[in-house]
Protein backbone atom coordinates (compact mmCIF):
# COMPACT_ATOMS: atom_id res chain seq x y z
CA MET A 1 -108.16 -47.32 -46.18
CA LYS A 2 -108.07 -49.62 -49.10
CA ILE A 3 -106.60 -53.12 -48.90
CA SER A 4 -103.96 -52.16 -51.56
CA GLN A 5 -102.64 -49.45 -49.44
CA ILE A 6 -102.69 -51.32 -46.40
CA LEU A 7 -100.46 -53.90 -48.58
CA PHE A 8 -98.50 -51.04 -49.63
CA LEU A 9 -97.82 -49.51 -46.14
CA PHE A 10 -97.09 -53.20 -44.85
CA PHE A 11 -94.31 -53.94 -47.43
CA LEU A 12 -93.11 -50.72 -47.18
CA ALA A 13 -92.67 -51.07 -43.41
CA PHE A 14 -91.10 -54.42 -44.21
CA PHE A 15 -88.42 -53.39 -46.38
CA VAL A 16 -87.42 -50.34 -44.29
CA LYS A 17 -86.98 -52.63 -41.28
CA ALA A 18 -84.85 -55.19 -43.38
CA GLU A 19 -82.50 -52.58 -44.40
CA VAL A 20 -81.87 -51.31 -41.03
CA LEU A 21 -81.67 -54.82 -39.69
CA PHE A 22 -79.18 -55.64 -42.28
CA ALA A 23 -76.96 -52.62 -41.93
CA GLN A 24 -76.71 -53.67 -38.07
CA VAL A 25 -75.86 -57.15 -39.19
CA VAL A 26 -72.79 -55.98 -41.21
CA PRO A 27 -70.90 -53.56 -39.09
CA PHE A 28 -68.38 -51.56 -40.68
CA GLU A 29 -69.44 -52.41 -44.25
CA GLN A 30 -69.44 -48.43 -45.23
CA GLU A 31 -65.91 -48.23 -43.74
CA VAL A 32 -64.78 -51.15 -45.63
CA LYS A 33 -65.91 -49.77 -48.66
CA ALA A 34 -64.21 -46.51 -48.54
CA ILE A 35 -60.86 -48.12 -47.65
CA SER A 36 -61.11 -50.36 -50.61
CA GLU A 37 -62.23 -47.32 -52.85
CA ARG A 38 -59.33 -45.19 -51.49
CA ILE A 39 -56.64 -47.76 -51.81
CA ASP A 40 -58.03 -49.03 -55.29
CA ASN A 41 -57.91 -45.52 -56.44
CA ALA A 42 -54.22 -44.99 -55.10
CA GLY A 43 -53.20 -48.01 -56.82
CA TRP A 44 -51.43 -51.06 -55.45
CA GLU A 45 -49.76 -54.02 -56.23
CA PRO A 46 -49.96 -57.86 -55.19
CA GLY A 47 -47.57 -59.41 -52.84
CA GLY A 48 -46.96 -56.43 -50.43
CA ILE A 49 -47.40 -56.04 -46.77
CA VAL A 50 -50.79 -55.71 -45.39
CA PHE A 51 -51.56 -53.96 -41.79
CA THR A 52 -54.92 -54.47 -40.60
CA GLY A 53 -57.42 -54.45 -37.69
CA SER A 54 -58.56 -51.70 -35.29
CA SER A 55 -57.77 -48.12 -34.72
CA SER A 56 -54.11 -48.42 -33.41
CA ILE A 57 -53.29 -49.82 -37.01
CA ARG A 58 -55.81 -47.12 -38.78
CA PHE A 59 -53.95 -44.13 -36.75
CA TRP A 60 -50.37 -45.26 -37.76
CA GLN A 61 -49.89 -42.34 -39.91
CA SER A 62 -46.12 -42.62 -39.92
CA LEU A 63 -46.24 -46.33 -41.14
CA VAL A 64 -45.14 -46.10 -44.44
CA GLU A 65 -42.68 -43.57 -43.67
CA GLU A 66 -40.94 -45.89 -40.99
CA PHE A 67 -40.75 -48.48 -43.59
CA PRO A 68 -39.82 -46.55 -46.83
CA ASN A 69 -39.40 -48.68 -50.13
CA ARG A 70 -41.88 -51.43 -48.79
CA ASN A 71 -45.26 -52.44 -50.32
CA ILE A 72 -47.50 -51.51 -47.28
CA ILE A 73 -51.18 -51.27 -47.67
CA ASN A 74 -52.97 -50.12 -44.30
CA THR A 75 -56.72 -51.48 -44.09
CA GLY A 76 -57.08 -50.53 -40.26
CA PHE A 77 -60.75 -49.83 -39.21
CA GLY A 78 -61.62 -48.16 -35.96
CA GLY A 79 -63.21 -49.91 -33.19
CA SER A 80 -63.18 -53.42 -35.05
CA LYS A 81 -63.14 -56.56 -33.23
CA ALA A 82 -61.64 -60.12 -34.32
CA SER A 83 -64.89 -61.07 -35.66
CA ASP A 84 -65.50 -57.97 -37.72
CA LEU A 85 -62.09 -58.66 -39.59
CA GLU A 86 -63.35 -62.28 -40.08
CA LYS A 87 -66.32 -60.99 -41.96
CA HIS A 88 -64.49 -58.47 -43.85
CA LEU A 89 -61.05 -60.41 -44.67
CA PHE A 90 -61.70 -60.52 -48.35
CA PRO A 91 -61.73 -56.70 -49.05
CA LEU A 92 -59.33 -55.85 -46.29
CA VAL A 93 -56.66 -58.66 -46.75
CA ILE A 94 -57.06 -61.66 -49.08
CA ARG A 95 -57.70 -59.70 -52.32
CA PHE A 96 -54.38 -57.64 -52.05
CA GLU A 97 -52.36 -61.37 -52.25
CA PRO A 98 -50.07 -60.34 -49.61
CA LYS A 99 -46.71 -62.07 -48.63
CA LYS A 100 -47.25 -61.05 -45.03
CA VAL A 101 -50.14 -59.54 -42.91
CA PHE A 102 -49.96 -57.90 -39.29
CA ILE A 103 -53.12 -58.15 -37.49
CA TYR A 104 -54.13 -56.05 -34.29
CA GLU A 105 -57.29 -57.49 -32.93
CA GLY A 106 -58.40 -58.16 -29.42
CA ASP A 107 -57.94 -54.57 -27.69
CA ASN A 108 -61.46 -53.95 -28.43
CA ASP A 109 -62.69 -57.40 -27.83
CA ILE A 110 -61.39 -57.29 -24.30
CA TRP A 111 -62.95 -54.10 -23.58
CA ALA A 112 -66.29 -55.35 -24.68
CA ASP A 113 -66.01 -58.44 -22.61
CA VAL A 114 -65.80 -60.80 -25.66
CA ASN A 115 -64.75 -64.26 -24.36
CA ILE A 116 -60.42 -64.74 -25.05
CA SER A 117 -61.83 -68.23 -26.34
CA GLN A 118 -64.19 -66.36 -28.96
CA ILE A 119 -61.54 -63.93 -29.73
CA MET A 120 -58.95 -66.94 -30.40
CA GLU A 121 -61.40 -68.69 -32.45
CA SER A 122 -61.84 -65.53 -34.82
CA LEU A 123 -58.02 -65.25 -35.08
CA ASP A 124 -57.72 -68.84 -36.08
CA ASN A 125 -60.38 -68.71 -38.67
CA ILE A 126 -58.63 -65.48 -40.24
CA VAL A 127 -55.42 -66.92 -40.28
CA SER A 128 -56.64 -70.17 -41.92
CA ARG A 129 -58.36 -68.86 -44.50
CA ILE A 130 -55.52 -66.67 -45.43
CA GLN A 131 -53.21 -69.60 -45.61
CA VAL A 132 -55.97 -71.61 -47.48
CA ILE A 133 -55.38 -69.10 -50.14
CA ASN A 134 -51.56 -68.97 -50.11
CA PRO A 135 -49.99 -71.48 -47.36
CA TYR A 136 -46.83 -69.29 -47.69
CA THR A 137 -48.09 -65.84 -46.64
CA GLU A 138 -46.76 -65.13 -43.37
CA VAL A 139 -49.20 -63.91 -40.55
CA VAL A 140 -47.93 -61.57 -37.46
CA LEU A 141 -50.38 -61.54 -34.63
CA ILE A 142 -49.43 -57.98 -32.58
CA SER A 143 -50.27 -58.33 -28.72
CA ALA A 144 -52.88 -55.88 -27.18
CA LYS A 145 -51.26 -52.87 -26.17
CA PRO A 146 -51.36 -51.61 -22.29
CA SER A 147 -53.58 -48.52 -22.61
CA PRO A 148 -54.14 -46.39 -19.50
CA SER A 149 -57.37 -46.30 -20.18
CA ARG A 150 -58.06 -49.85 -20.44
CA TRP A 151 -55.60 -50.72 -17.64
CA SER A 152 -58.38 -52.07 -15.26
CA LYS A 153 -58.43 -55.15 -17.26
CA LYS A 154 -54.87 -55.85 -17.35
CA GLU A 155 -55.05 -59.59 -16.48
CA SER A 156 -57.61 -60.14 -19.50
CA TYR A 157 -55.01 -58.47 -21.77
CA VAL A 158 -52.11 -60.33 -20.29
CA ILE A 159 -53.98 -63.61 -20.83
CA LEU A 160 -54.93 -62.90 -24.41
CA ASN A 161 -51.39 -61.98 -25.42
CA GLN A 162 -50.18 -65.22 -23.88
CA MET A 163 -53.06 -67.30 -25.96
CA MET A 164 -51.76 -65.37 -29.23
CA ALA A 165 -48.25 -66.18 -28.46
CA GLN A 166 -48.75 -69.89 -27.69
CA TYR A 167 -51.05 -70.01 -30.98
CA ALA A 168 -48.21 -68.62 -32.94
CA GLN A 169 -45.99 -71.38 -31.73
CA SER A 170 -48.06 -74.11 -32.97
CA LYS A 171 -48.62 -72.71 -36.30
CA GLU A 172 -46.55 -72.53 -39.53
CA GLN A 173 -45.83 -69.12 -41.11
CA VAL A 174 -47.49 -67.36 -37.74
CA GLU A 175 -45.41 -65.16 -35.61
CA PHE A 176 -46.24 -63.27 -32.46
CA LEU A 177 -45.07 -59.48 -31.92
CA SER A 178 -45.36 -58.13 -28.59
CA VAL A 179 -45.81 -54.26 -28.07
CA TRP A 180 -46.75 -54.50 -24.57
CA ASP A 181 -43.17 -54.31 -22.71
CA ALA A 182 -42.16 -51.45 -24.84
CA LEU A 183 -44.74 -49.16 -23.73
CA LEU A 184 -44.38 -49.86 -19.80
CA ASP A 185 -42.31 -47.75 -17.67
CA GLU A 186 -39.69 -49.63 -15.00
CA ASN A 187 -42.61 -50.39 -12.45
CA GLY A 188 -44.68 -52.27 -15.23
CA ASN A 189 -47.18 -49.48 -15.68
CA PRO A 190 -48.43 -47.94 -18.92
CA ARG A 191 -46.78 -44.71 -19.90
CA PRO A 192 -49.49 -42.05 -20.37
CA GLU A 193 -47.11 -39.68 -22.03
CA LEU A 194 -47.19 -42.10 -24.90
CA TYR A 195 -50.81 -41.92 -25.67
CA ILE A 196 -53.11 -38.69 -27.02
CA GLN A 197 -55.55 -37.27 -24.69
CA ASP A 198 -58.00 -40.34 -24.72
CA GLN A 199 -55.12 -42.38 -23.04
CA LEU A 200 -56.28 -45.10 -25.47
CA HIS A 201 -54.69 -44.34 -28.83
CA LEU A 202 -50.65 -43.86 -29.23
CA ASN A 203 -49.08 -40.55 -30.27
CA ALA A 204 -46.20 -39.94 -32.30
CA GLU A 205 -43.65 -41.13 -29.58
CA GLY A 206 -45.73 -44.07 -28.79
CA TYR A 207 -45.47 -45.12 -32.65
CA LYS A 208 -41.97 -44.50 -32.51
CA LEU A 209 -41.51 -47.45 -29.94
CA TRP A 210 -43.97 -49.24 -32.11
CA SER A 211 -41.88 -49.06 -35.07
CA GLU A 212 -38.80 -50.37 -33.16
CA ALA A 213 -40.72 -53.63 -31.99
CA PHE A 214 -42.01 -54.08 -35.66
CA ARG A 215 -38.66 -53.59 -37.35
CA PRO A 216 -37.19 -56.98 -37.09
CA PHE A 217 -40.41 -58.47 -38.40
CA MET A 218 -39.83 -56.15 -41.56
CA LYS A 219 -36.61 -57.54 -42.65
CA ASN A 220 -37.69 -60.34 -44.78
């Protein structure tokens, strides 16, 4: 085999490997692009309310219906963790110049054994970047929900929720919204009838309860 052919194969293998590695380094890149294109094609106005985070936001089909006459943009992307939102913060949040941002992250992090301190660091970075652009933007951190399929990590979720609540108290223009108790029964256990078959994602009845928890935070 000629040296030129060997070099060609070497560089070809190098670039193929580089493309694979890049795709692994930036998770959700294609999904984020698709979300951005969908929103741009539908049209949007700055100064609205952005809901973002993992699949519990993405699957909230009745969100706009529950809060009519509101400028709502849903950029939820399934399976994401706080660090993923941190990476994609500009296309999913900042570029829309929102007056308020609701964030649901931490659920998948805990399940993936991400340390709570790391989750809080990512959330702090997210809040800081949003408020550097506009200090008056309100940020609402949504608690993790009590999913039956993840109940084995209940204690970790409770601690995460407590940490988010404490963080919100220490920051200007940041609030904490708990959806935890609204989804529990009288014995403090999750209600399976509020979830779809995977016992992780909410069904229509579950989202109705979510809507009631969110309503006080949508008045302004």
